[in-house]
Amino acid sequence: MMSYVMMTLYHGTKKENAEKIIESQKMFPSRGDRHWLGDGIYFFKDDFYAYHWILKTFLRKRNQTFELDNNIN
């Protein structure tokens, strides 16, 4: 039997990307040299850090932080 832990995670992205993710219910990995752990989809346990990341990465652009409830197994 598998057990699951419910966690609320936060993902920082441009506002336009957040709208596309919410509408399509799909996320795609980021690619490029801006990411400190390589290509992928990044989540944070605290909304503060998700917002901090987008400010640092997309300074002066329209950004959005959104909440994701996810089952982790």
PDB file of N, CA and C in Angstrom:
ATOM      1  N   MET A   1       0.838  -1.183   0.000  1.00  0.00           N
ATOM      2  CA  MET A   1       0.000   0.000   0.000  1.00  0.00           C
ATOM      3  C   MET A   1       0.884   1.249   0.000  1.00  0.00           C
ATOM      4  N   MET A   2       0.601   2.180  -0.905  1.00  0.00           N
ATOM      5  CA  MET A   2       1.348   3.426  -0.972  1.00  0.00           C
ATOM      6  C   MET A   2       0.754   4.438  -0.013  1.00  0.00           C
ATOM      7  N   SER A   3       1.622   5.209   0.585  1.00  0.00           N
ATOM      8  CA  SER A   3       1.140   6.309   1.418  1.00  0.00           C
ATOM      9  C   SER A   3       1.545   7.621   0.756  1.00  0.00           C
ATOM     10  N   TYR A   4       0.743   8.629   0.969  1.00  0.00           N
ATOM     11  CA  TYR A   4       0.962   9.930   0.353  1.00  0.00           C
ATOM     12  C   TYR A   4       1.027  11.005   1.417  1.00  0.00           C
ATOM     13  N   VAL A   5       1.765  12.045   1.112  1.00  0.00           N
ATOM     14  CA  VAL A   5       1.835  13.222   1.958  1.00  0.00           C
ATOM     15  C   VAL A   5       1.317  14.392   1.133  1.00  0.00           C
ATOM     16  N   MET A   6       0.339  15.101   1.647  1.00  0.00           N
ATOM     17  CA  MET A   6      -0.196  16.267   0.950  1.00  0.00           C
ATOM     18  C   MET A   6       0.640  17.476   1.326  1.00  0.00           C
ATOM     19  N   MET A   7       1.159  18.174   0.313  1.00  0.00           N
ATOM     20  CA  MET A   7       1.972  19.369   0.547  1.00  0.00           C
ATOM     21  C   MET A   7       1.456  20.495  -0.333  1.00  0.00           C
ATOM     22  N   THR A   8       1.495  21.701   0.179  1.00  0.00           N
ATOM     23  CA  THR A   8       1.225  22.884  -0.619  1.00  0.00           C
ATOM     24  C   THR A   8       2.575  23.425  -1.060  1.00  0.00           C
ATOM     25  N   LEU A   9       2.751  23.548  -2.367  1.00  0.00           N
ATOM     26  CA  LEU A   9       4.005  24.026  -2.932  1.00  0.00           C
ATOM     27  C   LEU A   9       3.731  25.261  -3.778  1.00  0.00           C
ATOM     28  N   TYR A  10       4.761  26.062  -4.008  1.00  0.00           N
ATOM     29  CA  TYR A  10       4.624  27.308  -4.750  1.00  0.00           C
ATOM     30  C   TYR A  10       5.599  27.314  -5.918  1.00  0.00           C
ATOM     31  N   HIS A  11       5.130  27.843  -7.042  1.00  0.00           N
ATOM     32  CA  HIS A  11       5.927  27.923  -8.256  1.00  0.00           C
ATOM     33  C   HIS A  11       5.905  29.365  -8.738  1.00  0.00           C
ATOM     34  N   GLY A  12       7.058  29.952  -8.941  1.00  0.00           N
ATOM     35  CA  GLY A  12       7.136  31.329  -9.420  1.00  0.00           C
ATOM     36  C   GLY A  12       7.369  31.353 -10.922  1.00  0.00           C
ATOM     37  N   THR A  13       6.609  32.182 -11.631  1.00  0.00           N
ATOM     38  CA  THR A  13       6.758  32.286 -13.083  1.00  0.00           C
ATOM     39  C   THR A  13       6.190  33.617 -13.546  1.00  0.00           C
ATOM     40  N   LYS A  14       6.355  33.911 -14.816  1.00  0.00           N
ATOM     41  CA  LYS A  14       5.737  35.100 -15.394  1.00  0.00           C
ATOM     42  C   LYS A  14       4.217  34.938 -15.335  1.00  0.00           C
ATOM     43  N   LYS A  15       3.535  36.058 -15.226  1.00  0.00           N
ATOM     44  CA  LYS A  15       2.069  36.025 -15.130  1.00  0.00           C
ATOM     45  C   LYS A  15       1.448  35.311 -16.324  1.00  0.00           C
ATOM     46  N   GLU A  16       1.961  35.581 -17.518  1.00  0.00           N
ATOM     47  CA  GLU A  16       1.425  34.954 -18.727  1.00  0.00           C
ATOM     48  C   GLU A  16       1.591  33.432 -18.665  1.00  0.00           C
ATOM     49  N   ASN A  17       2.731  32.966 -18.163  1.00  0.00           N
ATOM     50  CA  ASN A  17       2.960  31.525 -18.032  1.00  0.00           C
ATOM     51  C   ASN A  17       2.011  30.912 -17.010  1.00  0.00           C
ATOM     52  N   ALA A  18       1.794  31.617 -15.893  1.00  0.00           N
ATOM     53  CA  ALA A  18       0.886  31.109 -14.854  1.00  0.00           C
ATOM     54  C   ALA A  18      -0.519  30.947 -15.412  1.00  0.00           C
ATOM     55  N   GLU A  19      -0.964  31.905 -16.211  1.00  0.00           N
ATOM     56  CA  GLU A  19      -2.301  31.816 -16.806  1.00  0.00           C
ATOM     57  C   GLU A  19      -2.399  30.608 -17.737  1.00  0.00           C
ATOM     58  N   LYS A  20      -1.343  30.346 -18.527  1.00  0.00           N
ATOM     59  CA  LYS A  20      -1.340  29.191 -19.436  1.00  0.00           C
ATOM     60  C   LYS A  20      -1.339  27.881 -18.648  1.00  0.00           C
ATOM     61  N   ILE A  21      -0.563  27.829 -17.567  1.00  0.00           N
ATOM     62  CA  ILE A  21      -0.500  26.614 -16.745  1.00  0.00           C
ATOM     63  C   ILE A  21      -1.857  26.320 -16.126  1.00  0.00           C
ATOM     64  N   ILE A  22      -2.487  27.335 -15.579  1.00  0.00           N
ATOM     65  CA  ILE A  22      -3.789  27.150 -14.936  1.00  0.00           C
ATOM     66  C   ILE A  22      -4.832  26.728 -15.973  1.00  0.00           C
ATOM     67  N   GLU A  23      -4.808  27.357 -17.148  1.00  0.00           N
ATOM     68  CA  GLU A  23      -5.787  27.036 -18.189  1.00  0.00           C
ATOM     69  C   GLU A  23      -5.596  25.614 -18.738  1.00  0.00           C
ATOM     70  N   SER A  24      -4.351  25.220 -19.002  1.00  0.00           N
ATOM     71  CA  SER A  24      -4.098  23.917 -19.621  1.00  0.00           C
ATOM     72  C   SER A  24      -3.926  22.789 -18.613  1.00  0.00           C
ATOM     73  N   GLN A  25      -3.696  23.149 -17.336  1.00  0.00           N
ATOM     74  CA  GLN A  25      -3.428  22.162 -16.287  1.00  0.00           C
ATOM     75  C   GLN A  25      -2.176  21.348 -16.603  1.00  0.00           C
ATOM     76  N   LYS A  26      -1.199  21.969 -17.313  1.00  0.00           N
ATOM     77  CA  LYS A  26       0.063  21.323 -17.658  1.00  0.00           C
ATOM     78  C   LYS A  26       1.208  22.272 -17.359  1.00  0.00           C
ATOM     79  N   MET A  27       2.323  21.678 -16.922  1.00  0.00           N
ATOM     80  CA  MET A  27       3.538  22.454 -16.694  1.00  0.00           C
ATOM     81  C   MET A  27       4.648  21.868 -17.550  1.00  0.00           C
ATOM     82  N   PHE A  28       5.523  22.734 -18.037  1.00  0.00           N
ATOM     83  CA  PHE A  28       6.637  22.304 -18.860  1.00  0.00           C
ATOM     84  C   PHE A  28       7.944  22.743 -18.207  1.00  0.00           C
ATOM     85  N   PRO A  29       8.976  21.912 -18.275  1.00  0.00           N
ATOM     86  CA  PRO A  29      10.256  22.255 -17.635  1.00  0.00           C
ATOM     87  C   PRO A  29      10.872  23.524 -18.212  1.00  0.00           C
ATOM     88  N   SER A  30      11.483  24.309 -17.347  1.00  0.00           N
ATOM     89  CA  SER A  30      12.282  25.454 -17.786  1.00  0.00           C
ATOM     90  C   SER A  30      13.588  24.914 -18.345  1.00  0.00           C
ATOM     91  N   ARG A  31      14.109  25.595 -19.332  1.00  0.00           N
ATOM     92  CA  ARG A  31      15.368  25.178 -19.934  1.00  0.00           C
ATOM     93  C   ARG A  31      16.279  26.399 -20.060  1.00  0.00           C
ATOM     94  N   GLY A  32      17.562  26.176 -19.917  1.00  0.00           N
ATOM     95  CA  GLY A  32      18.513  27.261 -20.090  1.00  0.00           C
ATOM     96  C   GLY A  32      19.496  27.373 -18.944  1.00  0.00           C
ATOM     97  N   ASP A  33      20.306  28.410 -18.998  1.00  0.00           N
ATOM     98  CA  ASP A  33      21.397  28.592 -18.042  1.00  0.00           C
ATOM     99  C   ASP A  33      21.003  29.362 -16.788  1.00  0.00           C
ATOM    100  N   ARG A  34      19.761  29.841 -16.685  1.00  0.00           N
ATOM    101  CA  ARG A  34      19.347  30.651 -15.529  1.00  0.00           C
ATOM    102  C   ARG A  34      19.049  29.817 -14.293  1.00  0.00           C
ATOM    103  N   HIS A  35      18.973  28.519 -14.421  1.00  0.00           N
ATOM    104  CA  HIS A  35      18.470  27.679 -13.345  1.00  0.00           C
ATOM    105  C   HIS A  35      19.614  27.016 -12.590  1.00  0.00           C
ATOM    106  N   TRP A  36      19.642  27.188 -11.285  1.00  0.00           N
ATOM    107  CA  TRP A  36      20.764  26.715 -10.486  1.00  0.00           C
ATOM    108  C   TRP A  36      20.832  25.217 -10.339  1.00  0.00           C
ATOM    109  N   LEU A  37      19.773  24.487 -10.624  1.00  0.00           N
ATOM    110  CA  LEU A  37      19.812  23.020 -10.558  1.00  0.00           C
ATOM    111  C   LEU A  37      19.590  22.394 -11.927  1.00  0.00           C
ATOM    112  N   GLY A  38      19.700  23.174 -12.979  1.00  0.00           N
ATOM    113  CA  GLY A  38      19.522  22.646 -14.327  1.00  0.00           C
ATOM    114  C   GLY A  38      18.079  22.753 -14.795  1.00  0.00           C
ATOM    115  N   ASP A  39      17.807  22.132 -15.925  1.00  0.00           N
ATOM    116  CA  ASP A  39      16.473  22.160 -16.505  1.00  0.00           C
ATOM    117  C   ASP A  39      15.483  21.457 -15.577  1.00  0.00           C
ATOM    118  N   GLY A  40      14.256  21.953 -15.514  1.00  0.00           N
ATOM    119  CA  GLY A  40      13.256  21.309 -14.673  1.00  0.00           C
ATOM    120  C   GLY A  40      12.132  22.245 -14.278  1.00  0.00           C
ATOM    121  N   ILE A  41      11.287  21.769 -13.384  1.00  0.00           N
ATOM    122  CA  ILE A  41      10.186  22.549 -12.821  1.00  0.00           C
ATOM    123  C   ILE A  41      10.483  22.717 -11.340  1.00  0.00           C
ATOM    124  N   TYR A  42      10.562  23.947 -10.887  1.00  0.00           N
ATOM    125  CA  TYR A  42      10.962  24.241  -9.516  1.00  0.00           C
ATOM    126  C   TYR A  42       9.765  24.603  -8.648  1.00  0.00           C
ATOM    127  N   PHE A  43       9.741  24.056  -7.453  1.00  0.00           N
ATOM    128  CA  PHE A  43       8.708  24.372  -6.467  1.00  0.00           C
ATOM    129  C   PHE A  43       9.376  24.734  -5.154  1.00  0.00           C
ATOM    130  N   PHE A  44       8.711  25.561  -4.381  1.00  0.00           N
ATOM    131  CA  PHE A  44       9.204  25.986  -3.081  1.00  0.00           C
ATOM    132  C   PHE A  44       8.153  25.678  -2.019  1.00  0.00           C
ATOM    133  N   LYS A  45       8.619  25.370  -0.819  1.00  0.00           N
ATOM    134  CA  LYS A  45       7.697  25.126   0.289  1.00  0.00           C
ATOM    135  C   LYS A  45       7.090  26.418   0.810  1.00  0.00           C
ATOM    136  N   ASP A  46       7.777  27.537   0.614  1.00  0.00           N
ATOM    137  CA  ASP A  46       7.315  28.840   1.105  1.00  0.00           C
ATOM    138  C   ASP A  46       7.095  29.775  -0.073  1.00  0.00           C
ATOM    139  N   ASP A  47       5.966  30.478  -0.074  1.00  0.00           N
ATOM    140  CA  ASP A  47       5.686  31.399  -1.168  1.00  0.00           C
ATOM    141  C   ASP A  47       6.724  32.514  -1.263  1.00  0.00           C
ATOM    142  N   PHE A  48       7.317  32.885  -0.127  1.00  0.00           N
ATOM    143  CA  PHE A  48       8.338  33.928  -0.116  1.00  0.00           C
ATOM    144  C   PHE A  48       9.473  33.590  -1.074  1.00  0.00           C
ATOM    145  N   TYR A  49       9.944  32.353  -1.046  1.00  0.00           N
ATOM    146  CA  TYR A  49      11.077  31.957  -1.875  1.00  0.00           C
ATOM    147  C   TYR A  49      10.697  31.850  -3.346  1.00  0.00           C
ATOM    148  N   ALA A  50       9.482  31.447  -3.642  1.00  0.00           N
ATOM    149  CA  ALA A  50       9.022  31.421  -5.032  1.00  0.00           C
ATOM    150  C   ALA A  50       8.986  32.844  -5.584  1.00  0.00           C
ATOM    151  N   TYR A  51       8.484  33.772  -4.784  1.00  0.00           N
ATOM    152  CA  TYR A  51       8.418  35.160  -5.230  1.00  0.00           C
ATOM    153  C   TYR A  51       9.816  35.765  -5.333  1.00  0.00           C
ATOM    154  N   HIS A  52      10.669  35.461  -4.381  1.00  0.00           N
ATOM    155  CA  HIS A  52      12.055  35.942  -4.415  1.00  0.00           C
ATOM    156  C   HIS A  52      12.745  35.479  -5.691  1.00  0.00           C
ATOM    157  N   TRP A  53      12.523  34.215  -6.068  1.00  0.00           N
ATOM    158  CA  TRP A  53      13.151  33.675  -7.271  1.00  0.00           C
ATOM    159  C   TRP A  53      12.694  34.431  -8.511  1.00  0.00           C
ATOM    160  N   ILE A  54      11.393  34.692  -8.643  1.00  0.00           N
ATOM    161  CA  ILE A  54      10.937  35.387  -9.844  1.00  0.00           C
ATOM    162  C   ILE A  54      11.418  36.832  -9.876  1.00  0.00           C
ATOM    163  N   LEU A  55      11.522  37.468  -8.708  1.00  0.00           N
ATOM    164  CA  LEU A  55      12.055  38.828  -8.694  1.00  0.00           C
ATOM    165  C   LEU A  55      13.496  38.835  -9.174  1.00  0.00           C
ATOM    166  N   LYS A  56      14.264  37.895  -8.705  1.00  0.00           N
ATOM    167  CA  LYS A  56      15.675  37.793  -9.085  1.00  0.00           C
ATOM    168  C   LYS A  56      15.818  37.429 -10.561  1.00  0.00           C
ATOM    169  N   THR A  57      14.979  36.549 -11.058  1.00  0.00           N
ATOM    170  CA  THR A  57      15.100  36.046 -12.425  1.00  0.00           C
ATOM    171  C   THR A  57      14.460  36.966 -13.452  1.00  0.00           C
ATOM    172  N   PHE A  58      13.296  37.508 -13.139  1.00  0.00           N
ATOM    173  CA  PHE A  58      12.544  38.305 -14.106  1.00  0.00           C
ATOM    174  C   PHE A  58      12.352  39.739 -13.623  1.00  0.00           C
ATOM    175  N   LEU A  59      13.358  40.303 -12.991  1.00  0.00           N
ATOM    176  CA  LEU A  59      13.270  41.648 -12.427  1.00  0.00           C
ATOM    177  C   LEU A  59      12.604  42.616 -13.407  1.00  0.00           C
ATOM    178  N   ARG A  60      11.611  43.336 -12.885  1.00  0.00           N
ATOM    179  CA  ARG A  60      10.851  44.365 -13.607  1.00  0.00           C
ATOM    180  C   ARG A  60       9.907  43.819 -14.666  1.00  0.00           C
ATOM    181  N   LYS A  61       9.617  42.537 -14.644  1.00  0.00           N
ATOM    182  CA  LYS A  61       8.624  41.983 -15.567  1.00  0.00           C
ATOM    183  C   LYS A  61       7.409  41.575 -14.760  1.00  0.00           C
ATOM    184  N   ARG A  62       6.322  41.304 -15.413  1.00  0.00           N
ATOM    185  CA  ARG A  62       5.094  40.894 -14.720  1.00  0.00           C
ATOM    186  C   ARG A  62       5.249  39.452 -14.257  1.00  0.00           C
ATOM    187  N   ASN A  63       5.179  39.243 -12.954  1.00  0.00           N
ATOM    188  CA  ASN A  63       5.400  37.930 -12.368  1.00  0.00           C
ATOM    189  C   ASN A  63       4.180  37.460 -11.601  1.00  0.00           C
ATOM    190  N   GLN A  64       4.129  36.164 -11.356  1.00  0.00           N
ATOM    191  CA  GLN A  64       3.004  35.569 -10.651  1.00  0.00           C
ATOM    192  C   GLN A  64       3.510  34.397  -9.820  1.00  0.00           C
ATOM    193  N   THR A  65       3.038  34.290  -8.590  1.00  0.00           N
ATOM    194  CA  THR A  65       3.300  33.111  -7.767  1.00  0.00           C
ATOM    195  C   THR A  65       1.967  32.428  -7.561  1.00  0.00           C
ATOM    196  N   PHE A  66       1.915  31.120  -7.742  1.00  0.00           N
ATOM    197  CA  PHE A  66       0.659  30.442  -7.476  1.00  0.00           C
ATOM    198  C   PHE A  66       0.885  29.212  -6.621  1.00  0.00           C
ATOM    199  N   GLU A  67      -0.188  28.783  -6.003  1.00  0.00           N
ATOM    200  CA  GLU A  67      -0.152  27.691  -5.039  1.00  0.00           C
ATOM    201  C   GLU A  67      -0.561  26.393  -5.720  1.00  0.00           C
ATOM    202  N   LEU A  68       0.117  25.313  -5.348  1.00  0.00           N
ATOM    203  CA  LEU A  68      -0.187  24.005  -5.901  1.00  0.00           C
ATOM    204  C   LEU A  68      -0.327  23.022  -4.766  1.00  0.00           C
ATOM    205  N   ASP A  69      -1.441  22.331  -4.690  1.00  0.00           N
ATOM    206  CA  ASP A  69      -1.610  21.248  -3.754  1.00  0.00           C
ATOM    207  C   ASP A  69      -1.291  19.972  -4.495  1.00  0.00           C
ATOM    208  N   ASN A  70      -0.376  19.188  -3.955  1.00  0.00           N
ATOM    209  CA  ASN A  70       0.107  18.021  -4.675  1.00  0.00           C
ATOM    210  C   ASN A  70       0.318  16.849  -3.746  1.00  0.00           C
ATOM    211  N   ASN A  71       0.071  15.656  -4.230  1.00  0.00           N
ATOM    212  CA  ASN A  71       0.386  14.432  -3.487  1.00  0.00           C
ATOM    213  C   ASN A  71       1.802  13.997  -3.835  1.00  0.00           C
ATOM    214  N   ILE A  72       2.628  13.827  -2.830  1.00  0.00           N
ATOM    215  CA  ILE A  72       4.009  13.392  -3.030  1.00  0.00           C
ATOM    216  C   ILE A  72       4.104  11.948  -2.552  1.00  0.00           C
ATOM    217  N   ASN A  73       4.601  11.072  -3.384  1.00  0.00           N
ATOM    218  CA  ASN A  73       4.775   9.694  -2.946  1.00  0.00           C
ATOM    219  C   ASN A  73       6.213   9.264  -3.046  1.00  0.00           C
TER     220      ASN A  73
END
